[in-house]
Amino acid sequence: MSVVQPTDVGEADTSSHCGSAAWVRERGKWVLLVSLGVVFFALLTLYASVLGVLLPNQIQNLDPVGKTQTLGVIYAITSVFSTLSTPIAGALSDRTRSRFGRRTPWIVVGATIGGSAIILTPHMPGLVAITAMWLVAVVTLNAMQPAITTLVADRFPPEERGLASGVVGGAMTAGVSFGTFFAGSLASNIPLAYAIVGAAIIIASLAFVVINPEPMATLTPATPFRLGQFLKGFWISPREHPDFAWAFLGRFAIYMGYQAILTYLLYILQDHIGLSQAKANAMIATMSVITFVALVFSGIGSGVLSDRLGRRKPLVFLASLIMAIAVVMPLIAPTPNGMIVYAVLIGLGYGSFMSVDLALMTQVLPKPKPGEEDTTGKDLGILTTAVNVPQILSPVMAAALLTATGNNYAVLFVVSGVFVLAGSFLVLPIRSVR
């Protein structure tokens, strides 16, 4: 591999190694964009519903006293395995050769098994069984995600990835908002909510692969499999690829702060703001609508703007600063109105961040040397661990902070704000993307 050379948004591709023959044009581009948006909307609706509302309610009903610690342990256990599965699945999808393409089998199998496990989760009899079923769901869905994310690099030229990233980012942030609204509205019927989001990801993914078949002509034979070389490929030297390392660290820090608040939002509304469980679920639904409206103005628009300006970093930096302000709002104003302000700011910041971040990620990927096979799926899978590892650490960090301080959420807000703020500055040293 060699260092990615500095490039503007509109210059030659440095991250997609399928070649221009795989890039979609005209009508096919918009079909792919819309269907990508639908799948990511369904996926993030599922994650937000389960992580933010359904699973916390389940755990509280089973263990009301130790809910924060129990939830943290469950998320930590499942996230360890999901973190390992993501880059491995991405690497294996790079090597997959089938009549349906290399990404399609992973999308179909991951979504089908993961969605089915989600449907079964509310019917598990205890904490161990719930953890096991959630583990199956998370591992398989995280195996699907790098395959479908890689299509942004596989199928779009660099000058259109801001638009593609904007659509994906907008769909993801819309899914987060809708998921918490949907689950908060159906919190009284948890099995039904699980069934709907599980079925939705299966249907959306199967429809996606039918509507968007992978081009076969661009596939070259995979090199012979060697375990040592395969495992060695998961180490990307920060010295040789510093931009990749900065992008990873920035993403990691931002998600550490963001997910710590999102994971414990139900308990924050109850224990910090003082709402009952029923009112907290209703408040989550209200906040989700507000967040959705905010992200509509920032999501897709930021992706398009980054293409027109030829800039990624300034928009990612500004979005991260807005997110940093948002996560400390419950400390500044520990009231329902303060949480409304949080909802507005997190929608604006996270919507803009997600819409541009993916485009930036595709442009810091290491470029293979002549004769080396495509590693886009594996490399994006590694960058996805910058999201998944905080899923391990942030609930554990939050639970430890709350336990040590007697459920003093103020400490959690400050620490989360520091992480997000640090992440905003970590993107600035990236040199290959403007």
Foldseek 3Di string as FASTA:
>chain_A
DFEFAADFLPDAAFFFDLDQVQADDDPLVVVLLVLLLQLLLLVLLLVLQCLQALVLLVQCVAPVVCSLVLSLVLLQVLLVLQLVLQLVLLQQLLQDDDPQHSLLVLLQQLLLQLLVLLLCLVVDDDSVRNSVSNSRNSNSVSSNVLSSLLCLSHHHTSLCSLLSLLSSLLSNLLSNLVSLLQSLVCVVPSSVSSNVSSVSSNVSSVVSSVSDGGDNVSDDHGDDDDVVVSVVVLDDDCVRQVLLVLLLLLLLLLLLLVVLCSSCQLVCCCVQLNDDSNVSSVLSSVLSVLLSVLLVVARSVLSVVCSVVSAQLVQLLVLLLLLLVLLLQCVVPVYSVSPSVSSNSPSNSSRNNSSRSSSSNSSSFHGDDPPDGRSSSSSVSNSCSSNSVSSNVNSVVSSVVCVVVVHPCNVSSVSSSVSSNVSSVSNVVNRSGD
